[in-house]
């Protein structure tokens, strides 16, 4: 339910209205704003800003220094140009809700965080966070193997009653939430909703290709952000966003990551908070798994399927669920040649030359068999490279 009513009994604006405009002022830093709201309620903090006294009360208002040549107005000057009531009406008209440090609706997992967001904007139901929560993160430039694995993890964890937290990005993030939505479609009363943490304002879907995904996540779970509404996903906001993903989660699972992948910021934030980190093993020849394989070398345990994650959570459930079809069961109509070719194709791109060497088939017969497998959605690709669509 919303954290506050639209107005108090005396017609005054609610505290959330002042929290919202504080978060939307130019140069506002999430960590400094959190510190300010630890010391003052939103209305008092707003009055301090208007008087130009917020800097005396709190030294870390802006966490990000202005760029070269920046002429950003001081907080007090910018604040005097804001119509708080009009700003609040726009949020309400857009179906955007607001919570803040000290508010009863503020997510409990973040209350004791070392760097909590001072203000959170959200669409959907914060009650989604009442379920066990697992982050699934990884590279935008994922392989088919990574996408299928993230989808399966999202689907199976949701069906087990676990809310999947992710950053709504392309690649692994989007695949994990697509899996959650598939679970909700097949068992709407028995699956947990998704949690999306955005770097942009919740009214500015990023990337644009995921506009429909955002809408579905907000409708079935919650999309939240500490970024003020209308603001874009600037580069510096992604590492800040990743600390929120970690802070909301009980376990962080990395599906695929390059050596310097952005998801490793989430890993660092999780480790700093004492949150469990796990990684999905990948082919040693795949650059998309170089970061995750390094994590496994450094110590975090592997994840093969949702059952491994449930073990970490302490959730004792049979695995796989009795009603879950085994993806390794192949179409019984395949002949010996089809089974032989399918067995020779890896879940990462496999060259026609390698498949031919493994099967002993000529390229003509091999091409025809691969096209037949593609029609049955068992492989995908084309030309010189093919990969399996299921484990």
Protein backbone atom coordinates (compact mmCIF):
# COMPACT_ATOMS: atom_id res chain seq x y z
CA UNK A 1 0.00 0.00 0.00
CA UNK A 2 1.18 3.60 -0.50
CA UNK A 3 3.48 4.97 2.19
CA UNK A 4 1.39 8.11 2.74
CA UNK A 5 -1.95 9.60 1.84
CA UNK A 6 -2.05 12.24 -0.86
CA UNK A 7 -2.53 14.96 1.77
CA UNK A 8 -2.80 15.20 5.51
CA UNK A 9 -6.05 15.81 7.33
CA UNK A 10 -5.37 19.56 7.36
CA UNK A 11 -4.73 19.69 3.61
CA UNK A 12 -0.95 19.83 4.06
CA UNK A 13 1.30 17.85 1.79
CA UNK A 14 2.54 14.48 3.14
CA UNK A 15 6.21 13.95 4.07
CA UNK A 16 6.70 11.85 0.92
CA UNK A 17 6.06 14.94 -1.23
CA UNK A 18 9.06 16.71 0.31
CA UNK A 19 11.18 13.56 0.12
CA UNK A 20 10.37 13.32 -3.60
CA UNK A 21 11.46 16.88 -4.43
CA UNK A 22 14.63 16.53 -2.36
CA UNK A 23 15.59 13.51 -4.46
CA UNK A 24 14.84 15.42 -7.67
CA UNK A 25 17.01 18.49 -7.03
CA UNK A 26 20.02 18.87 -9.38
CA UNK A 27 23.21 17.44 -7.94
CA UNK A 28 21.46 15.33 -5.32
CA UNK A 29 23.55 12.34 -4.33
CA UNK A 30 21.81 9.21 -3.01
CA UNK A 31 24.19 8.60 -0.11
CA UNK A 32 24.28 12.22 1.06
CA UNK A 33 20.49 12.42 0.85
CA UNK A 34 20.26 9.27 2.95
CA UNK A 35 22.44 10.84 5.62
CA UNK A 36 20.33 14.01 5.59
CA UNK A 37 17.11 12.02 6.06
CA UNK A 38 18.63 10.00 8.88
CA UNK A 39 18.92 13.28 10.80
CA UNK A 40 15.73 15.09 9.72
CA UNK A 41 12.20 14.32 8.56
CA UNK A 42 11.60 15.28 4.90
CA UNK A 43 9.71 18.52 5.65
CA UNK A 44 12.40 19.77 8.05
CA UNK A 45 15.10 18.79 5.55
CA UNK A 46 13.27 20.74 2.83
CA UNK A 47 13.09 23.83 5.05
CA UNK A 48 16.83 23.54 5.70
CA UNK A 49 17.47 23.36 1.96
CA UNK A 50 15.30 26.43 1.28
CA UNK A 51 17.23 28.42 3.90
CA UNK A 52 20.56 27.22 2.55
CA UNK A 53 21.34 25.49 5.84
CA UNK A 54 21.36 21.86 4.64
CA UNK A 55 25.08 22.03 3.97
CA UNK A 56 25.76 23.04 7.58
CA UNK A 57 23.65 20.15 8.83
CA UNK A 58 25.06 17.59 6.42
CA UNK A 59 28.39 17.77 4.61
CA UNK A 60 27.64 15.09 2.02
CA UNK A 61 24.69 16.40 0.07
CA UNK A 62 26.12 15.69 -3.35
CA UNK A 63 28.00 12.40 -3.76
CA UNK A 64 28.93 13.19 -7.35
CA UNK A 65 30.97 16.35 -8.06
CA UNK A 66 29.70 18.60 -10.86
CA UNK A 67 31.32 17.96 -14.22
CA UNK A 68 33.82 20.31 -15.88
CA UNK A 69 32.28 23.71 -16.52
CA UNK A 70 29.14 22.81 -14.56
CA UNK A 71 26.98 25.72 -13.46
CA UNK A 72 24.58 23.72 -11.31
CA UNK A 73 22.56 25.96 -9.04
CA UNK A 74 23.00 25.59 -5.27
CA UNK A 75 20.34 23.48 -3.65
CA UNK A 76 18.60 26.47 -2.10
CA UNK A 77 18.33 28.35 -5.41
CA UNK A 78 17.01 25.28 -7.24
CA UNK A 79 14.56 24.48 -4.42
CA UNK A 80 12.94 27.91 -4.52
CA UNK A 81 11.97 27.28 -8.12
CA UNK A 82 10.06 24.08 -7.31
CA UNK A 83 6.31 23.91 -6.75
CA UNK A 84 6.17 21.00 -4.31
CA UNK A 85 2.41 20.54 -4.62
CA UNK A 86 2.53 20.46 -8.42
CA UNK A 87 5.45 18.03 -8.36
CA UNK A 88 3.51 15.75 -5.99
CA UNK A 89 0.41 15.84 -8.21
CA UNK A 90 2.47 14.78 -11.24
CA UNK A 91 3.79 11.77 -9.35
CA UNK A 92 0.31 10.76 -8.25
CA UNK A 93 -1.10 11.23 -11.74
CA UNK A 94 1.66 8.95 -13.05
CA UNK A 95 0.91 6.23 -10.51
CA UNK A 96 4.32 6.69 -8.87
CA UNK A 97 4.62 6.11 -5.14
CA UNK A 98 7.35 7.31 -2.77
CA UNK A 99 8.91 6.03 0.42
CA UNK A 100 11.87 7.32 2.41
CA UNK A 101 14.13 6.52 5.33
CA UNK A 102 11.99 6.57 8.46
CA UNK A 103 8.76 5.84 6.59
CA UNK A 104 6.80 2.78 7.71
CA UNK A 105 6.72 1.43 4.14
CA UNK A 106 10.48 1.75 3.56
CA UNK A 107 11.94 -1.70 2.66
CA UNK A 108 13.17 -3.40 5.82
CA UNK A 109 16.25 -4.98 4.16
CA UNK A 110 17.63 -1.48 3.44
CA UNK A 111 16.97 0.10 6.84
CA UNK A 112 20.32 -1.03 8.28
CA UNK A 113 22.23 -0.81 5.00
CA UNK A 114 25.52 1.11 5.28
CA UNK A 115 24.52 3.26 2.28
CA UNK A 116 20.71 3.23 2.13
CA UNK A 117 18.81 5.21 -0.50
CA UNK A 118 17.29 8.24 1.19
CA UNK A 119 14.24 8.11 -1.08
CA UNK A 120 12.76 5.37 -3.25
CA UNK A 121 10.28 5.90 -6.08
CA UNK A 122 8.30 2.84 -7.08
CA UNK A 123 5.51 1.40 -9.18
CA UNK A 124 3.85 -1.80 -8.07
CA UNK A 125 3.71 -3.47 -4.67
CA UNK A 126 6.51 -3.15 -2.10
CA UNK A 127 4.99 -6.23 -0.44
CA UNK A 128 6.81 -8.21 -3.15
CA UNK A 129 9.90 -7.71 -0.98
CA UNK A 130 8.30 -9.73 1.82
CA UNK A 131 9.25 -12.96 0.00
CA UNK A 132 12.75 -14.51 0.06
CA UNK A 133 14.83 -12.50 -2.42
CA UNK A 134 17.60 -13.56 -4.80
CA UNK A 135 19.40 -11.31 -7.27
CA UNK A 136 20.20 -12.73 -10.70
CA UNK A 137 22.71 -10.53 -12.51
CA UNK A 138 25.11 -10.79 -15.41
CA UNK A 139 26.35 -9.35 -18.66
CA UNK A 140 24.28 -7.58 -21.27
CA UNK A 141 26.37 -9.37 -23.94
CA UNK A 142 25.32 -12.85 -22.92
CA UNK A 143 25.37 -16.09 -24.86
CA UNK A 144 22.38 -18.29 -25.57
CA UNK A 145 23.61 -20.55 -22.76
CA UNK A 146 23.57 -17.64 -20.31
CA UNK A 147 20.16 -16.45 -21.44
CA UNK A 148 18.60 -19.91 -21.13
CA UNK A 149 20.20 -20.45 -17.70
CA UNK A 150 19.00 -17.08 -16.37
CA UNK A 151 15.50 -17.72 -17.71
CA UNK A 152 15.35 -21.15 -16.06
CA UNK A 153 16.66 -19.81 -12.74
CA UNK A 154 14.15 -16.94 -12.75
CA UNK A 155 11.27 -19.24 -13.63
CA UNK A 156 12.10 -21.96 -11.12
CA UNK A 157 12.93 -19.62 -8.23
CA UNK A 158 9.67 -17.72 -8.78
CA UNK A 159 7.75 -21.00 -8.78
CA UNK A 160 9.49 -21.86 -5.48
CA UNK A 161 8.21 -18.61 -3.91
CA UNK A 162 11.40 -16.57 -4.30
CA UNK A 163 11.31 -12.99 -5.62
CA UNK A 164 13.98 -12.45 -8.27
CA UNK A 165 15.76 -9.08 -8.04
CA UNK A 166 17.51 -7.71 -11.10
CA UNK A 167 18.42 -4.49 -12.88
CA UNK A 168 16.05 -4.64 -15.88
CA UNK A 169 19.00 -4.49 -18.27
CA UNK A 170 19.45 -6.32 -21.55
CA UNK A 171 20.92 -9.80 -21.47
CA UNK A 172 20.94 -11.79 -18.22
CA UNK A 173 18.74 -9.37 -16.23
CA UNK A 174 15.97 -9.37 -18.79
CA UNK A 175 16.14 -13.13 -19.28
CA UNK A 176 15.80 -13.76 -15.53
CA UNK A 177 12.71 -11.57 -15.29
CA UNK A 178 11.27 -13.14 -18.44
CA UNK A 179 11.53 -16.46 -16.62
CA UNK A 180 9.67 -15.02 -13.63
CA UNK A 181 6.89 -13.75 -15.89
CA UNK A 182 6.63 -17.17 -17.54
CA UNK A 183 6.21 -18.74 -14.09
CA UNK A 184 3.48 -16.24 -13.23
CA UNK A 185 1.69 -16.96 -16.51
CA UNK A 186 1.64 -20.69 -15.80
CA UNK A 187 0.89 -20.51 -12.06
CA UNK A 188 -0.21 -16.96 -11.14
CA UNK A 189 -1.27 -17.93 -7.62
CA UNK A 190 1.84 -19.92 -6.78
CA UNK A 191 4.76 -17.83 -8.05
CA UNK A 192 6.55 -14.87 -6.45
CA UNK A 193 6.60 -11.54 -8.25
CA UNK A 194 9.73 -9.89 -9.68
CA UNK A 195 11.68 -6.94 -8.27
CA UNK A 196 13.26 -4.51 -10.74
CA UNK A 197 15.81 -1.93 -9.57
CA UNK A 198 16.30 0.87 -12.10
CA UNK A 199 19.13 3.33 -12.64
CA UNK A 200 16.81 5.83 -14.33
CA UNK A 201 13.58 7.25 -12.98
CA UNK A 202 10.82 4.64 -12.79
CA UNK A 203 8.93 6.62 -15.44
CA UNK A 204 11.83 6.38 -17.93
CA UNK A 205 12.33 2.73 -18.93
CA UNK A 206 15.92 1.96 -19.86
CA UNK A 207 16.80 0.44 -22.22
CA UNK A 208 13.85 1.32 -24.40
CA UNK A 209 13.66 -2.24 -25.69
CA UNK A 210 12.51 -3.25 -22.20
CA UNK A 211 9.60 -0.84 -21.94
CA UNK A 212 7.10 -3.72 -22.06
CA UNK A 213 9.16 -5.74 -19.56
CA UNK A 214 9.09 -2.81 -17.09
CA UNK A 215 5.33 -2.55 -17.41
CA UNK A 216 4.88 -6.26 -16.70
CA UNK A 217 7.32 -6.27 -13.76
CA UNK A 218 5.53 -3.28 -12.20
CA UNK A 219 2.16 -4.94 -12.70
CA UNK A 220 3.16 -8.30 -11.18
CA UNK A 221 5.80 -7.16 -8.67
CA UNK A 222 7.59 -3.84 -8.17
CA UNK A 223 9.96 -1.52 -10.04
CA UNK A 224 11.86 0.87 -7.81
CA UNK A 225 14.62 3.46 -8.08
CA UNK A 226 16.35 6.10 -5.99
CA UNK A 227 16.64 8.27 -9.12
CA UNK A 228 14.15 11.11 -9.36
CA UNK A 229 11.34 10.78 -11.89
CA UNK A 230 12.08 12.04 -15.38
CA UNK A 231 15.83 11.54 -14.97
CA UNK A 232 17.84 9.38 -17.38
CA UNK A 233 20.12 6.45 -16.58
CA UNK A 234 23.45 8.28 -16.36
CA UNK A 235 26.60 6.14 -16.25
CA UNK A 236 27.44 6.96 -12.62
CA UNK A 237 24.04 5.73 -11.46
CA UNK A 238 24.61 2.08 -12.45
CA UNK A 239 27.17 1.22 -9.72
CA UNK A 240 24.94 3.06 -7.23
CA UNK A 241 21.94 1.06 -8.46
CA UNK A 242 23.88 -2.17 -8.07
CA UNK A 243 24.43 -1.57 -4.33
CA UNK A 244 20.61 -1.39 -3.97
CA UNK A 245 20.23 -4.71 -5.82
CA UNK A 246 22.72 -6.27 -3.40
CA UNK A 247 21.14 -4.65 -0.35
CA UNK A 248 17.69 -6.02 -1.19
CA UNK A 249 18.92 -9.57 -1.75
CA UNK A 250 19.69 -12.54 0.46
CA UNK A 251 21.77 -14.23 -2.24
CA UNK A 252 23.39 -12.82 -5.40
CA UNK A 253 23.77 -15.20 -8.35
CA UNK A 254 25.98 -14.20 -11.28
CA UNK A 255 25.09 -16.10 -14.43
CA UNK A 256 27.61 -14.72 -16.93
CA UNK A 257 30.13 -11.91 -16.48
CA UNK A 258 33.09 -10.67 -18.44
CA UNK A 259 36.32 -10.06 -16.54
CA UNK A 260 35.37 -6.42 -15.93
CA UNK A 261 31.60 -6.85 -16.07
CA UNK A 262 29.33 -4.33 -14.36
CA UNK A 263 27.69 -7.12 -12.37
CA UNK A 264 30.93 -7.42 -10.40
CA UNK A 265 29.98 -4.10 -8.74
CA UNK A 266 26.96 -5.96 -7.39
CA UNK A 267 29.22 -8.77 -6.21
CA UNK A 268 31.51 -6.32 -4.38
CA UNK A 269 28.52 -4.60 -2.77
CA UNK A 270 27.11 -7.96 -1.67
CA UNK A 271 30.41 -9.13 -0.17
CA UNK A 272 30.75 -5.81 1.68
CA UNK A 273 27.34 -6.48 3.24
CA UNK A 274 27.99 -10.11 4.12
CA UNK A 275 25.52 -11.32 1.49
CA UNK A 276 26.05 -14.73 -0.09
CA UNK A 277 27.39 -14.74 -3.67
CA UNK A 278 27.17 -17.70 -6.05
CA UNK A 279 28.13 -18.11 -9.72
CA UNK A 280 27.04 -20.26 -12.64
CA UNK A 281 29.98 -22.09 -14.23
CA UNK A 282 30.59 -21.41 -17.89
CA UNK A 283 32.82 -22.77 -20.66
CA UNK A 284 36.47 -21.92 -20.03
CA UNK A 285 36.72 -20.77 -23.65
CA UNK A 286 33.87 -18.25 -23.34
CA UNK A 287 34.78 -14.62 -22.57
CA UNK A 288 31.21 -14.15 -21.31
CA UNK A 289 31.98 -16.55 -18.45
CA UNK A 290 35.53 -15.34 -17.69
CA UNK A 291 34.34 -13.23 -14.75
CA UNK A 292 32.07 -15.90 -13.29
CA UNK A 293 34.70 -18.60 -13.64
CA UNK A 294 37.17 -16.32 -11.86
CA UNK A 295 34.63 -15.90 -9.05
CA UNK A 296 34.39 -19.67 -8.74
CA UNK A 297 38.17 -19.91 -8.58
CA UNK A 298 38.20 -17.24 -5.84
CA UNK A 299 35.78 -19.14 -3.65
CA UNK A 300 31.99 -18.61 -4.07
CA UNK A 301 30.15 -21.86 -4.66
CA UNK A 302 28.60 -22.85 -7.99
CA UNK A 303 24.94 -22.75 -9.00
CA UNK A 304 23.69 -25.44 -11.37
CA UNK A 305 19.96 -24.87 -10.96
CA UNK A 306 17.43 -23.27 -8.63
CA UNK A 307 17.79 -26.13 -6.16
CA UNK A 308 21.32 -24.97 -5.32
CA UNK A 309 20.02 -21.47 -4.55
CA UNK A 310 17.21 -22.84 -2.38
CA UNK A 311 19.83 -24.77 -0.41
CA UNK A 312 21.69 -21.51 0.29
CA UNK A 313 18.44 -19.85 1.39
CA UNK A 314 17.65 -22.79 3.65
CA UNK A 315 14.43 -23.41 1.72
CA UNK A 316 13.86 -27.18 1.80
CA UNK A 317 11.82 -28.14 -1.25
CA UNK A 318 11.99 -31.17 -3.54
CA UNK A 319 14.09 -30.54 -6.64
CA UNK A 320 13.18 -30.56 -9.41
CA UNK A 321 9.53 -29.80 -8.62
CA UNK A 322 7.36 -32.82 -9.45
CA UNK A 323 5.42 -30.92 -12.11
CA UNK A 324 8.47 -29.50 -13.85
CA UNK A 325 9.26 -31.18 -17.16
CA UNK A 326 12.85 -32.25 -17.52
CA UNK A 327 14.33 -30.16 -20.37
CA UNK A 328 16.76 -32.98 -21.13
CA UNK A 329 13.89 -35.16 -22.33
CA UNK A 330 14.08 -34.97 -26.06
CA UNK A 331 11.36 -35.35 -28.61
CA UNK A 332 10.80 -39.08 -28.94
CA UNK A 333 10.28 -38.68 -32.67
CA UNK A 334 13.99 -37.97 -33.26
CA UNK A 335 15.77 -40.63 -35.24
CA UNK A 336 19.31 -41.84 -34.51
CA UNK A 337 20.87 -39.17 -36.73
CA UNK A 338 18.91 -36.38 -35.05
CA UNK A 339 19.94 -37.57 -31.59
CA UNK A 340 23.56 -37.90 -32.66
CA UNK A 341 23.66 -34.36 -34.08
CA UNK A 342 21.86 -32.89 -31.08
CA UNK A 343 24.34 -34.56 -28.76
CA UNK A 344 27.22 -33.00 -30.70
CA UNK A 345 25.94 -29.42 -30.29
CA UNK A 346 27.03 -27.51 -27.18
CA UNK A 347 25.06 -24.85 -25.32
CA UNK A 348 27.63 -22.34 -26.51
CA UNK A 349 28.19 -21.65 -30.23
CA UNK A 350 29.57 -24.79 -31.89
CA UNK A 351 31.08 -24.69 -35.36
CA UNK A 352 29.81 -26.88 -38.17
CA UNK A 353 33.33 -28.31 -38.49
CA UNK A 354 33.30 -29.48 -34.86
CA UNK A 355 29.79 -30.96 -35.20
CA UNK A 356 30.85 -32.79 -38.35
CA UNK A 357 33.92 -34.20 -36.63
CA UNK A 358 31.83 -35.39 -33.67
CA UNK A 359 29.13 -37.03 -35.79
CA UNK A 360 31.09 -38.22 -38.80
CA UNK A 361 28.33 -36.84 -41.08
CA UNK A 362 28.80 -34.99 -44.34
CA UNK A 363 27.87 -31.30 -44.48
CA UNK A 364 24.79 -31.89 -46.62
CA UNK A 365 23.18 -34.40 -44.27
CA UNK A 366 24.37 -32.39 -41.25
CA UNK A 367 22.79 -29.15 -42.54
CA UNK A 368 19.47 -30.85 -43.19
CA UNK A 369 19.43 -32.41 -39.73
CA UNK A 370 20.31 -29.12 -38.02
CA UNK A 371 17.49 -27.34 -39.84
CA UNK A 372 15.09 -30.05 -38.67
CA UNK A 373 16.32 -29.62 -35.08
CA UNK A 374 15.94 -25.86 -35.41
CA UNK A 375 12.32 -26.31 -36.50
CA UNK A 376 11.77 -28.33 -33.32
CA UNK A 377 13.38 -25.49 -31.30
CA UNK A 378 16.14 -27.81 -30.05
CA UNK A 379 18.98 -25.78 -31.58
CA UNK A 380 19.41 -22.28 -32.93
CA UNK A 381 21.93 -20.55 -35.10
CA UNK A 382 22.62 -20.87 -38.77
CA UNK A 383 25.47 -21.05 -41.24
CA UNK A 384 28.71 -21.99 -39.52
CA UNK A 385 27.63 -21.88 -35.86
CA UNK A 386 24.92 -23.63 -33.85
CA UNK A 387 23.99 -23.98 -30.17
CA UNK A 388 21.50 -25.99 -28.13
CA UNK A 389 18.45 -24.25 -26.67
CA UNK A 390 18.21 -26.50 -23.56
CA UNK A 391 20.67 -28.13 -21.16
